[in-house]
Amino acid sequence: MTDSRIPTHLWLEAKIRELSSQGVGIYVTHKGEKMGGLVLLKLSNMKGVCKLLTQQRDIDGVLGWVNALNEEIIEEKRADDYIVRSASRDPDLWVIEIESVAMLNPFE
């Protein structure tokens, strides 16, 4: 049986190019496993608060986005601390930061 999912690095590279061409500040702060690493997404409004979203599979195996800390809006320092802990526990994890006043998830 083969896995027909798009490798994480290709999916991210395409989205990064798309968002960069639109003038969106997007940064890869931690590179994870190229083929299948999950993504942790920090959406910063550049005023000290952010949204921190992580990927999670549903019962059918479909990836979706959920709040990483069970709160929609959190202090940026708290998000950064969570990111450091998560990346140290899971070296396969990708961490993407996006600067967006509206803090909308462009991956949905």
Protein backbone atom coordinates (compact mmCIF):
# COMPACT_ATOMS: atom_id res chain seq x y z
CA MET A 1 0.00 0.00 0.00
CA THR A 2 1.35 3.44 -0.90
CA ASP A 3 0.71 6.81 0.66
CA SER A 4 -0.80 9.20 -1.91
CA ARG A 5 -0.52 12.34 0.22
CA ILE A 6 1.55 15.26 -1.00
CA PRO A 7 4.85 15.51 0.90
CA THR A 8 4.77 18.23 3.54
CA HIS A 9 7.74 20.14 2.14
CA LEU A 10 6.18 20.42 -1.35
CA TRP A 11 2.82 21.55 0.01
CA LEU A 12 4.49 24.16 2.22
CA GLU A 13 6.86 25.42 -0.48
CA ALA A 14 3.92 26.02 -2.84
CA LYS A 15 1.92 27.86 -0.19
CA ILE A 16 4.94 29.94 0.89
CA ARG A 17 5.53 31.04 -2.71
CA GLU A 18 1.85 31.92 -3.13
CA LEU A 19 1.68 33.95 0.09
CA SER A 20 5.05 35.64 -0.50
CA SER A 21 3.90 36.78 -3.94
CA GLN A 22 0.91 38.39 -2.20
CA GLY A 23 3.22 40.28 0.16
CA VAL A 24 2.40 38.18 3.23
CA GLY A 25 5.19 37.82 5.78
CA ILE A 26 5.66 34.05 6.12
CA TYR A 27 8.62 32.33 7.72
CA VAL A 28 9.72 28.74 8.29
CA THR A 29 11.17 28.81 11.80
CA HIS A 30 11.65 25.04 12.11
CA LYS A 31 12.00 22.55 9.27
CA GLY A 32 10.53 19.17 10.01
CA GLU A 33 10.34 15.83 8.24
CA LYS A 34 10.14 16.45 4.50
CA MET A 35 7.64 13.75 3.64
CA GLY A 36 5.17 13.70 6.50
CA GLY A 37 5.89 16.13 9.32
CA LEU A 38 2.90 17.93 10.82
CA VAL A 39 2.69 21.73 10.88
CA LEU A 40 2.39 24.13 13.80
CA LEU A 41 1.16 27.50 12.56
CA LYS A 42 1.66 30.78 14.43
CA LEU A 43 -0.49 33.67 13.15
CA SER A 44 0.81 36.88 14.68
CA ASN A 45 -1.00 40.21 14.57
CA MET A 46 2.35 41.91 15.41
CA LYS A 47 0.83 43.49 18.53
CA GLY A 48 1.80 40.87 21.11
CA VAL A 49 -0.96 38.31 20.57
CA CYS A 50 -1.39 35.47 18.12
CA LYS A 51 -3.24 32.32 17.18
CA LEU A 52 -1.39 29.04 17.48
CA LEU A 53 -2.83 26.25 15.34
CA THR A 54 -1.75 22.67 14.91
CA GLN A 55 -2.75 19.99 12.47
CA GLN A 56 -4.85 17.11 13.67
CA ARG A 57 -6.37 14.18 11.81
CA ASP A 58 -10.04 13.36 12.22
CA ILE A 59 -11.42 9.83 12.45
CA ASP A 60 -11.29 9.52 8.63
CA GLY A 61 -7.63 10.61 8.51
CA VAL A 62 -8.39 14.07 7.09
CA LEU A 63 -6.12 16.82 8.34
CA GLY A 64 -7.70 19.86 9.96
CA TRP A 65 -6.59 22.75 12.14
CA VAL A 66 -7.21 23.12 15.88
CA ASN A 67 -6.06 25.62 18.50
CA ALA A 68 -2.86 24.22 20.00
CA LEU A 69 -3.53 25.57 23.50
CA ASN A 70 -7.34 25.35 23.63
CA GLU A 71 -7.61 29.14 23.36
CA GLU A 72 -8.16 31.09 20.18
CA ILE A 73 -6.01 34.12 21.03
CA ILE A 74 -2.90 33.87 23.22
CA GLU A 75 0.07 35.99 24.26
CA GLU A 76 2.94 35.68 21.79
CA LYS A 77 5.43 34.77 24.54
CA ARG A 78 3.23 31.84 25.58
CA ALA A 79 3.04 30.67 21.95
CA ASP A 80 6.82 30.93 21.55
CA ASP A 81 7.38 28.85 24.70
CA TYR A 82 4.97 26.19 23.39
CA ILE A 83 6.74 26.16 20.01
CA VAL A 84 10.15 25.59 21.62
CA ARG A 85 8.79 22.70 23.72
CA SER A 86 6.94 21.14 20.78
CA ALA A 87 9.91 21.32 18.39
CA SER A 88 12.23 19.82 21.00
CA ARG A 89 9.83 16.88 21.54
CA ASP A 90 9.01 16.36 17.84
CA PRO A 91 11.90 17.00 15.44
CA ASP A 92 9.57 16.09 12.53
CA LEU A 93 7.41 19.15 13.26
CA TRP A 94 7.35 22.12 10.88
CA VAL A 95 6.83 25.55 12.45
CA ILE A 96 5.47 28.30 10.21
CA GLU A 97 4.97 31.90 11.33
CA ILE A 98 2.75 34.32 9.45
CA GLU A 99 2.37 38.04 10.10
CA SER A 100 -1.27 38.94 9.60
CA VAL A 101 -3.29 41.59 11.40
CA ALA A 102 -6.48 39.56 10.78
CA MET A 103 -4.78 36.30 11.92
CA LEU A 104 -6.64 34.27 9.28
CA ASN A 105 -5.38 30.78 8.45
CA PRO A 106 -4.38 30.80 4.76
CA PHE A 107 -4.08 27.00 4.76
CA GLU A 108 -7.80 26.38 5.26
